[in-house]
Amino acid sequence: MKSLTVKGDDRLYRQLDRYVRRKGYTKNGLIVSLLKSVLRPVRGLRGVPLYPDHPYWGIVGKGVDREGATDVSENRLLPL
């Protein structure tokens, strides 16, 4: 097993410390879980990896017309 040092300012450390105490985690366990979730490839419904050039990424964030909308309830879906 390899060791990894993570540096952050005092405020970040206090936030992390409060969070892990409240949730019952260890700092190491939380950081390892977060790293694994970032490094694990995103998978579709059938378990097939979604690579960076997968068509799925072309529609992420699209489909909502915000032009003229004054609140979220007024958003209109656009045809894809």
PDB file of N, CA and C in Angstrom:
ATOM      1  N   MET A   1       0.854  -1.178   0.000  1.00  0.00           N
ATOM      2  CA  MET A   1       0.000   0.000   0.000  1.00  0.00           C
ATOM      3  C   MET A   1       0.897   1.237   0.000  1.00  0.00           C
ATOM      4  N   LYS A   2       0.546   2.213  -0.804  1.00  0.00           N
ATOM      5  CA  LYS A   2       1.314   3.458  -0.917  1.00  0.00           C
ATOM      6  C   LYS A   2       0.686   4.531  -0.044  1.00  0.00           C
ATOM      7  N   SER A   3       1.490   5.496   0.329  1.00  0.00           N
ATOM      8  CA  SER A   3       1.034   6.620   1.146  1.00  0.00           C
ATOM      9  C   SER A   3       0.881   7.851   0.259  1.00  0.00           C
ATOM     10  N   LEU A   4      -0.061   8.704   0.609  1.00  0.00           N
ATOM     11  CA  LEU A   4      -0.332   9.915  -0.155  1.00  0.00           C
ATOM     12  C   LEU A   4      -0.536  11.061   0.834  1.00  0.00           C
ATOM     13  N   THR A   5       0.095  12.180   0.589  1.00  0.00           N
ATOM     14  CA  THR A   5      -0.073  13.351   1.447  1.00  0.00           C
ATOM     15  C   THR A   5      -0.955  14.354   0.722  1.00  0.00           C
ATOM     16  N   VAL A   6      -1.954  14.853   1.424  1.00  0.00           N
ATOM     17  CA  VAL A   6      -2.855  15.855   0.865  1.00  0.00           C
ATOM     18  C   VAL A   6      -2.752  17.095   1.742  1.00  0.00           C
ATOM     19  N   LYS A   7      -2.511  18.234   1.125  1.00  0.00           N
ATOM     20  CA  LYS A   7      -2.369  19.474   1.885  1.00  0.00           C
ATOM     21  C   LYS A   7      -3.551  20.388   1.598  1.00  0.00           C
ATOM     22  N   GLY A   8      -4.031  21.030   2.628  1.00  0.00           N
ATOM     23  CA  GLY A   8      -5.116  21.995   2.497  1.00  0.00           C
ATOM     24  C   GLY A   8      -4.980  23.034   3.584  1.00  0.00           C
ATOM     25  N   ASP A   9      -5.670  24.140   3.429  1.00  0.00           N
ATOM     26  CA  ASP A   9      -5.575  25.182   4.445  1.00  0.00           C
ATOM     27  C   ASP A   9      -6.344  24.782   5.710  1.00  0.00           C
ATOM     28  N   ASP A  10      -6.194  25.591   6.759  1.00  0.00           N
ATOM     29  CA  ASP A  10      -6.811  25.271   8.057  1.00  0.00           C
ATOM     30  C   ASP A  10      -8.331  25.174   7.968  1.00  0.00           C
ATOM     31  N   ARG A  11      -8.925  26.068   7.209  1.00  0.00           N
ATOM     32  CA  ARG A  11     -10.393  26.065   7.084  1.00  0.00           C
ATOM     33  C   ARG A  11     -10.882  24.760   6.448  1.00  0.00           C
ATOM     34  N   LEU A  12     -10.232  24.345   5.367  1.00  0.00           N
ATOM     35  CA  LEU A  12     -10.601  23.103   4.694  1.00  0.00           C
ATOM     36  C   LEU A  12     -10.429  21.918   5.640  1.00  0.00           C
ATOM     37  N   TYR A  13      -9.345  21.909   6.398  1.00  0.00           N
ATOM     38  CA  TYR A  13      -9.099  20.810   7.335  1.00  0.00           C
ATOM     39  C   TYR A  13     -10.197  20.747   8.394  1.00  0.00           C
ATOM     40  N   ARG A  14     -10.587  21.904   8.934  1.00  0.00           N
ATOM     41  CA  ARG A  14     -11.667  21.919   9.941  1.00  0.00           C
ATOM     42  C   ARG A  14     -12.982  21.428   9.357  1.00  0.00           C
ATOM     43  N   GLN A  15     -13.296  21.838   8.110  1.00  0.00           N
ATOM     44  CA  GLN A  15     -14.515  21.370   7.447  1.00  0.00           C
ATOM     45  C   GLN A  15     -14.477  19.856   7.259  1.00  0.00           C
ATOM     46  N   LEU A  16     -13.345  19.350   6.794  1.00  0.00           N
ATOM     47  CA  LEU A  16     -13.186  17.917   6.605  1.00  0.00           C
ATOM     48  C   LEU A  16     -13.315  17.177   7.924  1.00  0.00           C
ATOM     49  N   ASP A  17     -12.690  17.692   8.966  1.00  0.00           N
ATOM     50  CA  ASP A  17     -12.735  17.062  10.276  1.00  0.00           C
ATOM     51  C   ASP A  17     -14.172  16.991  10.809  1.00  0.00           C
ATOM     52  N   ARG A  18     -14.919  18.085  10.694  1.00  0.00           N
ATOM     53  CA  ARG A  18     -16.327  18.090  11.143  1.00  0.00           C
ATOM     54  C   ARG A  18     -17.152  17.091  10.343  1.00  0.00           C
ATOM     55  N   TYR A  19     -16.924  17.069   9.030  1.00  0.00           N
ATOM     56  CA  TYR A  19     -17.697  16.190   8.157  1.00  0.00           C
ATOM     57  C   TYR A  19     -17.480  14.717   8.509  1.00  0.00           C
ATOM     58  N   VAL A  20     -16.215  14.300   8.626  1.00  0.00           N
ATOM     59  CA  VAL A  20     -15.953  12.882   8.896  1.00  0.00           C
ATOM     60  C   VAL A  20     -16.443  12.480  10.280  1.00  0.00           C
ATOM     61  N   ARG A  21     -16.365  13.371  11.249  1.00  0.00           N
ATOM     62  CA  ARG A  21     -16.890  13.060  12.591  1.00  0.00           C
ATOM     63  C   ARG A  21     -18.403  12.882  12.548  1.00  0.00           C
ATOM     64  N   ARG A  22     -19.073  13.780  11.848  1.00  0.00           N
ATOM     65  CA  ARG A  22     -20.537  13.734  11.763  1.00  0.00           C
ATOM     66  C   ARG A  22     -21.010  12.481  11.022  1.00  0.00           C
ATOM     67  N   LYS A  23     -20.303  12.096   9.963  1.00  0.00           N
ATOM     68  CA  LYS A  23     -20.712  10.966   9.131  1.00  0.00           C
ATOM     69  C   LYS A  23     -20.141   9.630   9.595  1.00  0.00           C
ATOM     70  N   GLY A  24     -19.151   9.659  10.515  1.00  0.00           N
ATOM     71  CA  GLY A  24     -18.561   8.421  10.992  1.00  0.00           C
ATOM     72  C   GLY A  24     -17.513   7.833  10.070  1.00  0.00           C
ATOM     73  N   TYR A  25     -16.921   8.655   9.227  1.00  0.00           N
ATOM     74  CA  TYR A  25     -15.858   8.224   8.326  1.00  0.00           C
ATOM     75  C   TYR A  25     -14.499   8.477   8.975  1.00  0.00           C
ATOM     76  N   THR A  26     -13.466   7.979   8.336  1.00  0.00           N
ATOM     77  CA  THR A  26     -12.107   8.435   8.629  1.00  0.00           C
ATOM     78  C   THR A  26     -11.704   9.346   7.483  1.00  0.00           C
ATOM     79  N   LYS A  27     -10.765  10.237   7.740  1.00  0.00           N
ATOM     80  CA  LYS A  27     -10.311  11.125   6.658  1.00  0.00           C
ATOM     81  C   LYS A  27      -9.725  10.296   5.522  1.00  0.00           C
ATOM     82  N   ASN A  28      -8.905   9.317   5.867  1.00  0.00           N
ATOM     83  CA  ASN A  28      -8.291   8.476   4.856  1.00  0.00           C
ATOM     84  C   ASN A  28      -9.346   7.732   4.039  1.00  0.00           C
ATOM     85  N   GLY A  29     -10.317   7.127   4.718  1.00  0.00           N
ATOM     86  CA  GLY A  29     -11.358   6.369   4.026  1.00  0.00           C
ATOM     87  C   GLY A  29     -12.167   7.239   3.082  1.00  0.00           C
ATOM     88  N   LEU A  30     -12.497   8.449   3.510  1.00  0.00           N
ATOM     89  CA  LEU A  30     -13.269   9.362   2.668  1.00  0.00           C
ATOM     90  C   LEU A  30     -12.467   9.770   1.436  1.00  0.00           C
ATOM     91  N   ILE A  31     -11.203  10.131   1.632  1.00  0.00           N
ATOM     92  CA  ILE A  31     -10.373  10.571   0.512  1.00  0.00           C
ATOM     93  C   ILE A  31     -10.157   9.434  -0.484  1.00  0.00           C
ATOM     94  N   VAL A  32      -9.914   8.223   0.015  1.00  0.00           N
ATOM     95  CA  VAL A  32      -9.736   7.072  -0.878  1.00  0.00           C
ATOM     96  C   VAL A  32     -11.022   6.824  -1.673  1.00  0.00           C
ATOM     97  N   SER A  33     -12.185   6.886  -1.020  1.00  0.00           N
ATOM     98  CA  SER A  33     -13.468   6.695  -1.710  1.00  0.00           C
ATOM     99  C   SER A  33     -13.682   7.752  -2.787  1.00  0.00           C
ATOM    100  N   LEU A  34     -13.372   8.997  -2.471  1.00  0.00           N
ATOM    101  CA  LEU A  34     -13.532  10.076  -3.448  1.00  0.00           C
ATOM    102  C   LEU A  34     -12.602   9.877  -4.643  1.00  0.00           C
ATOM    103  N   LEU A  35     -11.348   9.495  -4.379  1.00  0.00           N
ATOM    104  CA  LEU A  35     -10.412   9.255  -5.481  1.00  0.00           C
ATOM    105  C   LEU A  35     -10.883   8.108  -6.358  1.00  0.00           C
ATOM    106  N   LYS A  36     -11.366   7.046  -5.752  1.00  0.00           N
ATOM    107  CA  LYS A  36     -11.867   5.911  -6.534  1.00  0.00           C
ATOM    108  C   LYS A  36     -13.050   6.319  -7.396  1.00  0.00           C
ATOM    109  N   SER A  37     -13.944   7.141  -6.843  1.00  0.00           N
ATOM    110  CA  SER A  37     -15.124   7.541  -7.618  1.00  0.00           C
ATOM    111  C   SER A  37     -14.740   8.434  -8.793  1.00  0.00           C
ATOM    112  N   VAL A  38     -13.705   9.231  -8.649  1.00  0.00           N
ATOM    113  CA  VAL A  38     -13.255  10.093  -9.735  1.00  0.00           C
ATOM    114  C   VAL A  38     -12.521   9.285 -10.806  1.00  0.00           C
ATOM    115  N   LEU A  39     -11.752   8.297 -10.376  1.00  0.00           N
ATOM    116  CA  LEU A  39     -10.932   7.524 -11.313  1.00  0.00           C
ATOM    117  C   LEU A  39     -11.686   6.386 -11.986  1.00  0.00           C
ATOM    118  N   ARG A  40     -12.833   5.984 -11.435  1.00  0.00           N
ATOM    119  CA  ARG A  40     -13.640   4.915 -12.015  1.00  0.00           C
ATOM    120  C   ARG A  40     -14.352   5.463 -13.245  1.00  0.00           C
ATOM    121  N   PRO A  41     -14.299   4.742 -14.364  1.00  0.00           N
ATOM    122  CA  PRO A  41     -14.968   5.251 -15.568  1.00  0.00           C
ATOM    123  C   PRO A  41     -16.496   5.308 -15.377  1.00  0.00           C
ATOM    124  N   VAL A  42     -17.090   6.350 -15.922  1.00  0.00           N
ATOM    125  CA  VAL A  42     -18.544   6.477 -15.890  1.00  0.00           C
ATOM    126  C   VAL A  42     -19.130   5.384 -16.772  1.00  0.00           C
ATOM    127  N   ARG A  43     -20.163   4.724 -16.292  1.00  0.00           N
ATOM    128  CA  ARG A  43     -20.761   3.625 -17.055  1.00  0.00           C
ATOM    129  C   ARG A  43     -22.227   3.941 -17.349  1.00  0.00           C
ATOM    130  N   GLY A  44     -22.666   3.472 -18.489  1.00  0.00           N
ATOM    131  CA  GLY A  44     -24.056   3.641 -18.885  1.00  0.00           C
ATOM    132  C   GLY A  44     -24.942   2.613 -18.205  1.00  0.00           C
ATOM    133  N   LEU A  45     -26.207   2.591 -18.580  1.00  0.00           N
ATOM    134  CA  LEU A  45     -27.171   1.692 -17.958  1.00  0.00           C
ATOM    135  C   LEU A  45     -26.813   0.221 -18.113  1.00  0.00           C
ATOM    136  N   ARG A  46     -26.133  -0.131 -19.174  1.00  0.00           N
ATOM    137  CA  ARG A  46     -25.781  -1.533 -19.403  1.00  0.00           C
ATOM    138  C   ARG A  46     -24.377  -1.859 -18.908  1.00  0.00           C
ATOM    139  N   GLY A  47     -23.757  -0.953 -18.183  1.00  0.00           N
ATOM    140  CA  GLY A  47     -22.430  -1.201 -17.657  1.00  0.00           C
ATOM    141  C   GLY A  47     -21.307  -0.951 -18.628  1.00  0.00           C
ATOM    142  N   VAL A  48     -21.627  -0.409 -19.790  1.00  0.00           N
ATOM    143  CA  VAL A  48     -20.611  -0.117 -20.794  1.00  0.00           C
ATOM    144  C   VAL A  48     -19.967   1.226 -20.434  1.00  0.00           C
ATOM    145  N   PRO A  49     -18.627   1.296 -20.387  1.00  0.00           N
ATOM    146  CA  PRO A  49     -17.974   2.562 -20.050  1.00  0.00           C
ATOM    147  C   PRO A  49     -18.337   3.671 -21.032  1.00  0.00           C
ATOM    148  N   LEU A  50     -18.520   4.869 -20.508  1.00  0.00           N
ATOM    149  CA  LEU A  50     -18.785   6.044 -21.335  1.00  0.00           C
ATOM    150  C   LEU A  50     -17.471   6.810 -21.467  1.00  0.00           C
ATOM    151  N   TYR A  51     -16.783   6.601 -22.565  1.00  0.00           N
ATOM    152  CA  TYR A  51     -15.504   7.241 -22.794  1.00  0.00           C
ATOM    153  C   TYR A  51     -15.701   8.709 -23.133  1.00  0.00           C
ATOM    154  N   PRO A  52     -14.632   9.533 -23.010  1.00  0.00           N
ATOM    155  CA  PRO A  52     -14.764  10.972 -23.262  1.00  0.00           C
ATOM    156  C   PRO A  52     -15.386  11.335 -24.601  1.00  0.00           C
ATOM    157  N   ASP A  53     -15.255  10.476 -25.618  1.00  0.00           N
ATOM    158  CA  ASP A  53     -15.823  10.799 -26.924  1.00  0.00           C
ATOM    159  C   ASP A  53     -17.192  10.146 -27.130  1.00  0.00           C
ATOM    160  N   HIS A  54     -17.764   9.555 -26.076  1.00  0.00           N
ATOM    161  CA  HIS A  54     -19.083   8.924 -26.166  1.00  0.00           C
ATOM    162  C   HIS A  54     -20.146   9.986 -26.473  1.00  0.00           C
ATOM    163  N   PRO A  55     -21.117   9.686 -27.327  1.00  0.00           N
ATOM    164  CA  PRO A  55     -22.147  10.659 -27.688  1.00  0.00           C
ATOM    165  C   PRO A  55     -22.917  11.214 -26.481  1.00  0.00           C
ATOM    166  N   TYR A  56     -22.991  10.458 -25.400  1.00  0.00           N
ATOM    167  CA  TYR A  56     -23.698  10.903 -24.196  1.00  0.00           C
ATOM    168  C   TYR A  56     -23.208  12.273 -23.746  1.00  0.00           C
ATOM    169  N   TRP A  57     -21.889  12.480 -23.779  1.00  0.00           N
ATOM    170  CA  TRP A  57     -21.329  13.728 -23.265  1.00  0.00           C
ATOM    171  C   TRP A  57     -21.733  14.922 -24.114  1.00  0.00           C
ATOM    172  N   GLY A  58     -22.156  14.691 -25.347  1.00  0.00           N
ATOM    173  CA  GLY A  58     -22.607  15.781 -26.204  1.00  0.00           C
ATOM    174  C   GLY A  58     -23.959  16.344 -25.805  1.00  0.00           C
ATOM    175  N   ILE A  59     -24.734  15.571 -25.032  1.00  0.00           N
ATOM    176  CA  ILE A  59     -26.056  16.059 -24.630  1.00  0.00           C
ATOM    177  C   ILE A  59     -26.112  16.495 -23.176  1.00  0.00           C
ATOM    178  N   VAL A  60     -25.054  16.246 -22.411  1.00  0.00           N
ATOM    179  CA  VAL A  60     -25.042  16.649 -21.007  1.00  0.00           C
ATOM    180  C   VAL A  60     -25.159  18.162 -20.919  1.00  0.00           C
ATOM    181  N   GLY A  61     -26.098  18.627 -20.135  1.00  0.00           N
ATOM    182  CA  GLY A  61     -26.288  20.058 -19.955  1.00  0.00           C
ATOM    183  C   GLY A  61     -27.120  20.712 -21.033  1.00  0.00           C
ATOM    184  N   LYS A  62     -27.513  19.967 -22.055  1.00  0.00           N
ATOM    185  CA  LYS A  62     -28.330  20.534 -23.126  1.00  0.00           C
ATOM    186  C   LYS A  62     -29.780  20.119 -22.919  1.00  0.00           C
ATOM    187  N   GLY A  63     -30.653  20.738 -23.627  1.00  0.00           N
ATOM    188  CA  GLY A  63     -32.046  20.327 -23.610  1.00  0.00           C
ATOM    189  C   GLY A  63     -32.960  21.275 -22.866  1.00  0.00           C
ATOM    190  N   VAL A  64     -32.405  22.305 -22.228  1.00  0.00           N
ATOM    191  CA  VAL A  64     -33.252  23.254 -21.516  1.00  0.00           C
ATOM    192  C   VAL A  64     -33.044  24.626 -22.136  1.00  0.00           C
ATOM    193  N   ASP A  65     -34.126  25.245 -22.533  1.00  0.00           N
ATOM    194  CA  ASP A  65     -34.080  26.584 -23.107  1.00  0.00           C
ATOM    195  C   ASP A  65     -34.274  27.579 -21.982  1.00  0.00           C
ATOM    196  N   ARG A  66     -33.239  28.298 -21.631  1.00  0.00           N
ATOM    197  CA  ARG A  66     -33.332  29.252 -20.522  1.00  0.00           C
ATOM    198  C   ARG A  66     -33.639  30.669 -21.022  1.00  0.00           C
ATOM    199  N   GLU A  67     -33.684  30.840 -22.319  1.00  0.00           N
ATOM    200  CA  GLU A  67     -33.915  32.160 -22.887  1.00  0.00           C
ATOM    201  C   GLU A  67     -35.303  32.661 -22.511  1.00  0.00           C
ATOM    202  N   GLY A  68     -35.366  33.763 -21.844  1.00  0.00           N
ATOM    203  CA  GLY A  68     -36.647  34.352 -21.480  1.00  0.00           C
ATOM    204  C   GLY A  68     -37.261  33.748 -20.227  1.00  0.00           C
ATOM    205  N   ALA A  69     -36.679  32.713 -19.660  1.00  0.00           N
ATOM    206  CA  ALA A  69     -37.252  32.104 -18.458  1.00  0.00           C
ATOM    207  C   ALA A  69     -36.887  32.948 -17.241  1.00  0.00           C
ATOM    208  N   THR A  70     -37.866  33.192 -16.369  1.00  0.00           N
ATOM    209  CA  THR A  70     -37.595  33.963 -15.159  1.00  0.00           C
ATOM    210  C   THR A  70     -37.381  33.059 -13.953  1.00  0.00           C
ATOM    211  N   ASP A  71     -37.823  31.820 -14.032  1.00  0.00           N
ATOM    212  CA  ASP A  71     -37.519  30.861 -12.965  1.00  0.00           C
ATOM    213  C   ASP A  71     -37.484  29.459 -13.558  1.00  0.00           C
ATOM    214  N   VAL A  72     -37.090  28.498 -12.753  1.00  0.00           N
ATOM    215  CA  VAL A  72     -36.914  27.127 -13.234  1.00  0.00           C
ATOM    216  C   VAL A  72     -38.194  26.545 -13.802  1.00  0.00           C
ATOM    217  N   SER A  73     -39.339  26.902 -13.245  1.00  0.00           N
ATOM    218  CA  SER A  73     -40.602  26.331 -13.708  1.00  0.00           C
ATOM    219  C   SER A  73     -40.929  26.746 -15.134  1.00  0.00           C
ATOM    220  N   GLU A  74     -40.297  27.805 -15.630  1.00  0.00           N
ATOM    221  CA  GLU A  74     -40.572  28.274 -16.980  1.00  0.00           C
ATOM    222  C   GLU A  74     -39.643  27.668 -18.026  1.00  0.00           C
ATOM    223  N   ASN A  75     -38.653  26.870 -17.594  1.00  0.00           N
ATOM    224  CA  ASN A  75     -37.737  26.253 -18.571  1.00  0.00           C
ATOM    225  C   ASN A  75     -38.505  25.359 -19.519  1.00  0.00           C
ATOM    226  N   ARG A  76     -38.102  25.386 -20.791  1.00  0.00           N
ATOM    227  CA  ARG A  76     -38.764  24.586 -21.797  1.00  0.00           C
ATOM    228  C   ARG A  76     -37.776  23.614 -22.391  1.00  0.00           C
ATOM    229  N   LEU A  77     -38.182  22.391 -22.604  1.00  0.00           N
ATOM    230  CA  LEU A  77     -37.289  21.400 -23.190  1.00  0.00           C
ATOM    231  C   LEU A  77     -37.133  21.663 -24.680  1.00  0.00           C
ATOM    232  N   LEU A  78     -35.930  21.497 -25.161  1.00  0.00           N
ATOM    233  CA  LEU A  78     -35.648  21.649 -26.580  1.00  0.00           C
ATOM    234  C   LEU A  78     -35.564  20.258 -27.213  1.00  0.00           C
ATOM    235  N   PRO A  79     -35.929  20.110 -28.448  1.00  0.00           N
ATOM    236  CA  PRO A  79     -35.757  18.816 -29.104  1.00  0.00           C
ATOM    237  C   PRO A  79     -34.280  18.510 -29.273  1.00  0.00           C
ATOM    238  N   LEU A  80     -33.891  17.270 -29.066  1.00  0.00           N
ATOM    239  CA  LEU A  80     -32.471  16.874 -29.200  1.00  0.00           C
ATOM    240  C   LEU A  80     -32.188  16.373 -30.594  1.00  0.00           C
TER     241      LEU A  80
END
